[in-house]
Amino acid sequence: MQAADIEVDARGLNCPLPILKAKKALSGLQSGQTVKVVSTDAGSVRDFQAFAKQTGNELLEQQTEGSEFIHLMRRR
């Protein structure tokens, strides 16, 4: 996974908190910058896909590493 401008630790948080943390981080970024969110909530995979469609932010990559789900998003 490529490097991100900011990383958000959402481990141990359940829906909707990983999305809310990502939304807050994205609001502080400029267009084109990226945020990496690390979550332990399995539901975050589909949540981030839906969030990207709803907001127009680009979901660049998703990975699963053990019990962690990693999401990379680019601000629109």
PDB file of N, CA and C in Angstrom:
ATOM      1  N   MET A   1       0.854  -1.188   0.000  1.00  0.00           N
ATOM      2  CA  MET A   1       0.000   0.000   0.000  1.00  0.00           C
ATOM      3  C   MET A   1       0.891   1.238   0.000  1.00  0.00           C
ATOM      4  N   GLN A   2       0.484   2.222  -0.766  1.00  0.00           N
ATOM      5  CA  GLN A   2       1.266   3.453  -0.860  1.00  0.00           C
ATOM      6  C   GLN A   2       1.176   4.279   0.430  1.00  0.00           C
ATOM      7  N   ALA A   3       2.115   5.173   0.595  1.00  0.00           N
ATOM      8  CA  ALA A   3       2.138   6.033   1.780  1.00  0.00           C
ATOM      9  C   ALA A   3       0.990   7.038   1.719  1.00  0.00           C
ATOM     10  N   ALA A   4       0.508   7.433   2.894  1.00  0.00           N
ATOM     11  CA  ALA A   4      -0.596   8.393   2.984  1.00  0.00           C
ATOM     12  C   ALA A   4      -0.103   9.673   3.647  1.00  0.00           C
ATOM     13  N   ASP A   5      -0.838  10.755   3.422  1.00  0.00           N
ATOM     14  CA  ASP A   5      -0.493  12.028   4.048  1.00  0.00           C
ATOM     15  C   ASP A   5      -0.789  12.006   5.542  1.00  0.00           C
ATOM     16  N   ILE A   6      -1.816  11.236   5.933  1.00  0.00           N
ATOM     17  CA  ILE A   6      -2.189  11.136   7.341  1.00  0.00           C
ATOM     18  C   ILE A   6      -2.698   9.723   7.599  1.00  0.00           C
ATOM     19  N   GLU A   7      -2.447   9.225   8.809  1.00  0.00           N
ATOM     20  CA  GLU A   7      -2.932   7.897   9.188  1.00  0.00           C
ATOM     21  C   GLU A   7      -3.853   8.029  10.394  1.00  0.00           C
ATOM     22  N   VAL A   8      -4.973   7.309  10.339  1.00  0.00           N
ATOM     23  CA  VAL A   8      -5.951   7.327  11.416  1.00  0.00           C
ATOM     24  C   VAL A   8      -6.030   5.924  12.019  1.00  0.00           C
ATOM     25  N   ASP A   9      -5.880   5.841  13.326  1.00  0.00           N
ATOM     26  CA  ASP A   9      -5.986   4.568  14.032  1.00  0.00           C
ATOM     27  C   ASP A   9      -7.412   4.414  14.549  1.00  0.00           C
ATOM     28  N   ALA A  10      -8.164   3.515  13.926  1.00  0.00           N
ATOM     29  CA  ALA A  10      -9.542   3.253  14.346  1.00  0.00           C
ATOM     30  C   ALA A  10      -9.677   1.836  14.890  1.00  0.00           C
ATOM     31  N   ARG A  11      -8.571   1.278  15.362  1.00  0.00           N
ATOM     32  CA  ARG A  11      -8.604  -0.075  15.932  1.00  0.00           C
ATOM     33  C   ARG A  11      -9.500  -0.094  17.171  1.00  0.00           C
ATOM     34  N   GLY A  12     -10.310  -1.147  17.274  1.00  0.00           N
ATOM     35  CA  GLY A  12     -11.175  -1.302  18.434  1.00  0.00           C
ATOM     36  C   GLY A  12     -12.472  -0.524  18.350  1.00  0.00           C
ATOM     37  N   LEU A  13     -12.661   0.243  17.292  1.00  0.00           N
ATOM     38  CA  LEU A  13     -13.886   1.034  17.134  1.00  0.00           C
ATOM     39  C   LEU A  13     -14.829   0.342  16.157  1.00  0.00           C
ATOM     40  N   ASN A  14     -16.110   0.376  16.458  1.00  0.00           N
ATOM     41  CA  ASN A  14     -17.114  -0.226  15.583  1.00  0.00           C
ATOM     42  C   ASN A  14     -17.861   0.856  14.829  1.00  0.00           C
ATOM     43  N   CYS A  15     -18.537   0.431  13.773  1.00  0.00           N
ATOM     44  CA  CYS A  15     -19.351   1.318  12.937  1.00  0.00           C
ATOM     45  C   CYS A  15     -20.261   2.169  13.821  1.00  0.00           C
ATOM     46  N   PRO A  16     -20.358   3.435  13.566  1.00  0.00           N
ATOM     47  CA  PRO A  16     -19.817   4.208  12.439  1.00  0.00           C
ATOM     48  C   PRO A  16     -18.529   4.956  12.770  1.00  0.00           C
ATOM     49  N   LEU A  17     -17.901   4.662  13.889  1.00  0.00           N
ATOM     50  CA  LEU A  17     -16.753   5.462  14.321  1.00  0.00           C
ATOM     51  C   LEU A  17     -15.564   5.484  13.353  1.00  0.00           C
ATOM     52  N   PRO A  18     -15.172   4.363  12.705  1.00  0.00           N
ATOM     53  CA  PRO A  18     -14.069   4.470  11.735  1.00  0.00           C
ATOM     54  C   PRO A  18     -14.387   5.443  10.601  1.00  0.00           C
ATOM     55  N   ILE A  19     -15.633   5.444  10.129  1.00  0.00           N
ATOM     56  CA  ILE A  19     -16.042   6.367   9.063  1.00  0.00           C
ATOM     57  C   ILE A  19     -16.013   7.813   9.568  1.00  0.00           C
ATOM     58  N   LEU A  20     -16.501   8.027  10.774  1.00  0.00           N
ATOM     59  CA  LEU A  20     -16.513   9.386  11.326  1.00  0.00           C
ATOM     60  C   LEU A  20     -15.099   9.923  11.500  1.00  0.00           C
ATOM     61  N   LYS A  21     -14.176   9.070  11.946  1.00  0.00           N
ATOM     62  CA  LYS A  21     -12.780   9.493  12.092  1.00  0.00           C
ATOM     63  C   LYS A  21     -12.166   9.807  10.724  1.00  0.00           C
ATOM     64  N   ALA A  22     -12.507   8.996   9.724  1.00  0.00           N
ATOM     65  CA  ALA A  22     -12.004   9.238   8.369  1.00  0.00           C
ATOM     66  C   ALA A  22     -12.562  10.543   7.819  1.00  0.00           C
ATOM     67  N   LYS A  23     -13.844  10.776   8.049  1.00  0.00           N
ATOM     68  CA  LYS A  23     -14.488  11.998   7.564  1.00  0.00           C
ATOM     69  C   LYS A  23     -13.815  13.229   8.169  1.00  0.00           C
ATOM     70  N   LYS A  24     -13.538  13.172   9.456  1.00  0.00           N
ATOM     71  CA  LYS A  24     -12.877  14.289  10.129  1.00  0.00           C
ATOM     72  C   LYS A  24     -11.467  14.503   9.568  1.00  0.00           C
ATOM     73  N   ALA A  25     -10.736  13.416   9.356  1.00  0.00           N
ATOM     74  CA  ALA A  25      -9.377  13.527   8.819  1.00  0.00           C
ATOM     75  C   ALA A  25      -9.406  14.091   7.403  1.00  0.00           C
ATOM     76  N   LEU A  26     -10.338  13.623   6.584  1.00  0.00           N
ATOM     77  CA  LEU A  26     -10.444  14.108   5.203  1.00  0.00           C
ATOM     78  C   LEU A  26     -10.774  15.595   5.157  1.00  0.00           C
ATOM     79  N   SER A  27     -11.575  16.057   6.093  1.00  0.00           N
ATOM     80  CA  SER A  27     -11.964  17.473   6.091  1.00  0.00           C
ATOM     81  C   SER A  27     -10.765  18.388   6.344  1.00  0.00           C
ATOM     82  N   GLY A  28      -9.726  17.859   6.960  1.00  0.00           N
ATOM     83  CA  GLY A  28      -8.534  18.654   7.222  1.00  0.00           C
ATOM     84  C   GLY A  28      -7.495  18.585   6.115  1.00  0.00           C
ATOM     85  N   LEU A  29      -7.782  17.800   5.081  1.00  0.00           N
ATOM     86  CA  LEU A  29      -6.841  17.641   3.979  1.00  0.00           C
ATOM     87  C   LEU A  29      -7.242  18.505   2.789  1.00  0.00           C
ATOM     88  N   GLN A  30      -6.274  18.738   1.923  1.00  0.00           N
ATOM     89  CA  GLN A  30      -6.551  19.445   0.671  1.00  0.00           C
ATOM     90  C   GLN A  30      -6.880  18.418  -0.401  1.00  0.00           C
ATOM     91  N   SER A  31      -7.531  18.875  -1.461  1.00  0.00           N
ATOM     92  CA  SER A  31      -7.895  17.992  -2.565  1.00  0.00           C
ATOM     93  C   SER A  31      -6.669  17.234  -3.077  1.00  0.00           C
ATOM     94  N   GLY A  32      -6.822  15.919  -3.235  1.00  0.00           N
ATOM     95  CA  GLY A  32      -5.735  15.081  -3.740  1.00  0.00           C
ATOM     96  C   GLY A  32      -4.894  14.426  -2.657  1.00  0.00           C
ATOM     97  N   GLN A  33      -4.997  14.908  -1.419  1.00  0.00           N
ATOM     98  CA  GLN A  33      -4.240  14.288  -0.329  1.00  0.00           C
ATOM     99  C   GLN A  33      -4.940  13.010   0.117  1.00  0.00           C
ATOM    100  N   THR A  34      -4.191  12.152   0.798  1.00  0.00           N
ATOM    101  CA  THR A  34      -4.722  10.835   1.153  1.00  0.00           C
ATOM    102  C   THR A  34      -4.720  10.582   2.657  1.00  0.00           C
ATOM    103  N   VAL A  35      -5.633   9.719   3.066  1.00  0.00           N
ATOM    104  CA  VAL A  35      -5.719   9.280   4.453  1.00  0.00           C
ATOM    105  C   VAL A  35      -5.756   7.758   4.467  1.00  0.00           C
ATOM    106  N   LYS A  36      -5.013   7.194   5.405  1.00  0.00           N
ATOM    107  CA  LYS A  36      -4.993   5.747   5.614  1.00  0.00           C
ATOM    108  C   LYS A  36      -5.687   5.479   6.945  1.00  0.00           C
ATOM    109  N   VAL A  37      -6.695   4.611   6.916  1.00  0.00           N
ATOM    110  CA  VAL A  37      -7.443   4.281   8.126  1.00  0.00           C
ATOM    111  C   VAL A  37      -7.225   2.799   8.439  1.00  0.00           C
ATOM    112  N   VAL A  38      -6.790   2.520   9.668  1.00  0.00           N
ATOM    113  CA  VAL A  38      -6.596   1.142  10.116  1.00  0.00           C
ATOM    114  C   VAL A  38      -7.705   0.816  11.104  1.00  0.00           C
ATOM    115  N   SER A  39      -8.495  -0.212  10.773  1.00  0.00           N
ATOM    116  CA  SER A  39      -9.659  -0.577  11.571  1.00  0.00           C
ATOM    117  C   SER A  39      -9.630  -2.070  11.892  1.00  0.00           C
ATOM    118  N   THR A  40     -10.306  -2.465  12.952  1.00  0.00           N
ATOM    119  CA  THR A  40     -10.473  -3.884  13.271  1.00  0.00           C
ATOM    120  C   THR A  40     -11.915  -4.317  13.072  1.00  0.00           C
ATOM    121  N   ASP A  41     -12.755  -3.435  12.565  1.00  0.00           N
ATOM    122  CA  ASP A  41     -14.169  -3.722  12.315  1.00  0.00           C
ATOM    123  C   ASP A  41     -14.321  -4.295  10.907  1.00  0.00           C
ATOM    124  N   ALA A  42     -14.716  -5.568  10.814  1.00  0.00           N
ATOM    125  CA  ALA A  42     -14.858  -6.226   9.507  1.00  0.00           C
ATOM    126  C   ALA A  42     -15.877  -5.510   8.628  1.00  0.00           C
ATOM    127  N   GLY A  43     -16.880  -4.894   9.227  1.00  0.00           N
ATOM    128  CA  GLY A  43     -17.889  -4.167   8.474  1.00  0.00           C
ATOM    129  C   GLY A  43     -17.356  -2.912   7.817  1.00  0.00           C
ATOM    130  N   SER A  44     -16.160  -2.481   8.221  1.00  0.00           N
ATOM    131  CA  SER A  44     -15.604  -1.246   7.662  1.00  0.00           C
ATOM    132  C   SER A  44     -15.277  -1.391   6.181  1.00  0.00           C
ATOM    133  N   VAL A  45     -15.071  -2.606   5.701  1.00  0.00           N
ATOM    134  CA  VAL A  45     -14.747  -2.804   4.281  1.00  0.00           C
ATOM    135  C   VAL A  45     -15.888  -2.279   3.420  1.00  0.00           C
ATOM    136  N   ARG A  46     -17.101  -2.741   3.676  1.00  0.00           N
ATOM    137  CA  ARG A  46     -18.238  -2.270   2.871  1.00  0.00           C
ATOM    138  C   ARG A  46     -18.634  -0.847   3.260  1.00  0.00           C
ATOM    139  N   ASP A  47     -18.417  -0.467   4.531  1.00  0.00           N
ATOM    140  CA  ASP A  47     -18.734   0.903   4.957  1.00  0.00           C
ATOM    141  C   ASP A  47     -17.901   1.927   4.180  1.00  0.00           C
ATOM    142  N   PHE A  48     -16.613   1.649   4.005  1.00  0.00           N
ATOM    143  CA  PHE A  48     -15.754   2.590   3.286  1.00  0.00           C
ATOM    144  C   PHE A  48     -16.099   2.631   1.799  1.00  0.00           C
ATOM    145  N   GLN A  49     -16.532   1.505   1.236  1.00  0.00           N
ATOM    146  CA  GLN A  49     -16.959   1.494  -0.164  1.00  0.00           C
ATOM    147  C   GLN A  49     -18.187   2.386  -0.344  1.00  0.00           C
ATOM    148  N   ALA A  50     -19.145   2.260   0.565  1.00  0.00           N
ATOM    149  CA  ALA A  50     -20.367   3.082   0.500  1.00  0.00           C
ATOM    150  C   ALA A  50     -20.045   4.552   0.757  1.00  0.00           C
ATOM    151  N   PHE A  51     -19.166   4.816   1.720  1.00  0.00           N
ATOM    152  CA  PHE A  51     -18.769   6.183   2.056  1.00  0.00           C
ATOM    153  C   PHE A  51     -18.143   6.872   0.845  1.00  0.00           C
ATOM    154  N   ALA A  52     -17.288   6.157   0.124  1.00  0.00           N
ATOM    155  CA  ALA A  52     -16.637   6.725  -1.056  1.00  0.00           C
ATOM    156  C   ALA A  52     -17.673   7.087  -2.124  1.00  0.00           C
ATOM    157  N   LYS A  53     -18.632   6.210  -2.347  1.00  0.00           N
ATOM    158  CA  LYS A  53     -19.670   6.481  -3.347  1.00  0.00           C
ATOM    159  C   LYS A  53     -20.528   7.682  -2.950  1.00  0.00           C
ATOM    160  N   GLN A  54     -20.837   7.794  -1.674  1.00  0.00           N
ATOM    161  CA  GLN A  54     -21.714   8.861  -1.198  1.00  0.00           C
ATOM    162  C   GLN A  54     -21.028  10.222  -1.193  1.00  0.00           C
ATOM    163  N   THR A  55     -19.732  10.252  -0.933  1.00  0.00           N
ATOM    164  CA  THR A  55     -19.040  11.527  -0.747  1.00  0.00           C
ATOM    165  C   THR A  55     -18.238  11.986  -1.960  1.00  0.00           C
ATOM    166  N   GLY A  56     -17.941  11.066  -2.886  1.00  0.00           N
ATOM    167  CA  GLY A  56     -17.118  11.430  -4.033  1.00  0.00           C
ATOM    168  C   GLY A  56     -15.629  11.353  -3.761  1.00  0.00           C
ATOM    169  N   ASN A  57     -15.253  10.996  -2.535  1.00  0.00           N
ATOM    170  CA  ASN A  57     -13.845  10.757  -2.247  1.00  0.00           C
ATOM    171  C   ASN A  57     -13.479   9.402  -2.849  1.00  0.00           C
ATOM    172  N   GLU A  58     -12.232   9.264  -3.285  1.00  0.00           N
ATOM    173  CA  GLU A  58     -11.829   8.057  -3.995  1.00  0.00           C
ATOM    174  C   GLU A  58     -11.235   7.029  -3.036  1.00  0.00           C
ATOM    175  N   LEU A  59     -11.786   5.814  -3.054  1.00  0.00           N
ATOM    176  CA  LEU A  59     -11.235   4.708  -2.288  1.00  0.00           C
ATOM    177  C   LEU A  59     -10.159   4.067  -3.151  1.00  0.00           C
ATOM    178  N   LEU A  60      -8.909   4.325  -2.823  1.00  0.00           N
ATOM    179  CA  LEU A  60      -7.795   3.887  -3.657  1.00  0.00           C
ATOM    180  C   LEU A  60      -7.469   2.419  -3.463  1.00  0.00           C
ATOM    181  N   GLU A  61      -7.549   1.953  -2.212  1.00  0.00           N
ATOM    182  CA  GLU A  61      -7.092   0.602  -1.912  1.00  0.00           C
ATOM    183  C   GLU A  61      -7.675   0.135  -0.591  1.00  0.00           C
ATOM    184  N   GLN A  62      -7.916  -1.177  -0.507  1.00  0.00           N
ATOM    185  CA  GLN A  62      -8.310  -1.802   0.754  1.00  0.00           C
ATOM    186  C   GLN A  62      -7.493  -3.073   0.897  1.00  0.00           C
ATOM    187  N   GLN A  63      -6.999  -3.312   2.109  1.00  0.00           N
ATOM    188  CA  GLN A  63      -6.214  -4.516   2.388  1.00  0.00           C
ATOM    189  C   GLN A  63      -6.651  -5.093   3.721  1.00  0.00           C
ATOM    190  N   THR A  64      -6.496  -6.403   3.839  1.00  0.00           N
ATOM    191  CA  THR A  64      -6.714  -7.071   5.117  1.00  0.00           C
ATOM    192  C   THR A  64      -5.384  -7.675   5.540  1.00  0.00           C
ATOM    193  N   GLU A  65      -4.944  -7.311   6.733  1.00  0.00           N
ATOM    194  CA  GLU A  65      -3.699  -7.857   7.283  1.00  0.00           C
ATOM    195  C   GLU A  65      -4.019  -8.438   8.647  1.00  0.00           C
ATOM    196  N   GLY A  66      -4.182  -9.753   8.704  1.00  0.00           N
ATOM    197  CA  GLY A  66      -4.574 -10.398   9.953  1.00  0.00           C
ATOM    198  C   GLY A  66      -5.968  -9.952  10.343  1.00  0.00           C
ATOM    199  N   SER A  67      -6.087  -9.337  11.501  1.00  0.00           N
ATOM    200  CA  SER A  67      -7.399  -8.871  11.976  1.00  0.00           C
ATOM    201  C   SER A  67      -7.614  -7.385  11.695  1.00  0.00           C
ATOM    202  N   GLU A  68      -6.726  -6.795  10.899  1.00  0.00           N
ATOM    203  CA  GLU A  68      -6.830  -5.364  10.601  1.00  0.00           C
ATOM    204  C   GLU A  68      -7.259  -5.126   9.157  1.00  0.00           C
ATOM    205  N   PHE A  69      -8.096  -4.131   8.993  1.00  0.00           N
ATOM    206  CA  PHE A  69      -8.598  -3.737   7.678  1.00  0.00           C
ATOM    207  C   PHE A  69      -8.068  -2.339   7.391  1.00  0.00           C
ATOM    208  N   ILE A  70      -7.349  -2.204   6.286  1.00  0.00           N
ATOM    209  CA  ILE A  70      -6.686  -0.953   5.976  1.00  0.00           C
ATOM    210  C   ILE A  70      -7.321  -0.342   4.733  1.00  0.00           C
ATOM    211  N   HIS A  71      -7.673   0.931   4.858  1.00  0.00           N
ATOM    212  CA  HIS A  71      -8.371   1.649   3.795  1.00  0.00           C
ATOM    213  C   HIS A  71      -7.557   2.885   3.435  1.00  0.00           C
ATOM    214  N   LEU A  72      -7.362   3.104   2.152  1.00  0.00           N
ATOM    215  CA  LEU A  72      -6.652   4.286   1.671  1.00  0.00           C
ATOM    216  C   LEU A  72      -7.605   5.101   0.808  1.00  0.00           C
ATOM    217  N   MET A  73      -7.826   6.356   1.217  1.00  0.00           N
ATOM    218  CA  MET A  73      -8.766   7.226   0.502  1.00  0.00           C
ATOM    219  C   MET A  73      -8.072   8.517   0.081  1.00  0.00           C
ATOM    220  N   ARG A  74      -8.520   9.039  -1.070  1.00  0.00           N
ATOM    221  CA  ARG A  74      -8.034  10.328  -1.562  1.00  0.00           C
ATOM    222  C   ARG A  74      -9.168  11.339  -1.497  1.00  0.00           C
ATOM    223  N   ARG A  75      -8.862  12.508  -0.939  1.00  0.00           N
ATOM    224  CA  ARG A  75      -9.872  13.569  -0.851  1.00  0.00           C
ATOM    225  C   ARG A  75     -10.194  14.094  -2.238  1.00  0.00           C
ATOM    226  N   ARG A  76     -11.466  14.314  -2.470  1.00  0.00           N
ATOM    227  CA  ARG A  76     -11.906  14.823  -3.782  1.00  0.00           C
ATOM    228  C   ARG A  76     -11.519  16.280  -3.944  1.00  0.00           C
TER     229      ARG A  76
END
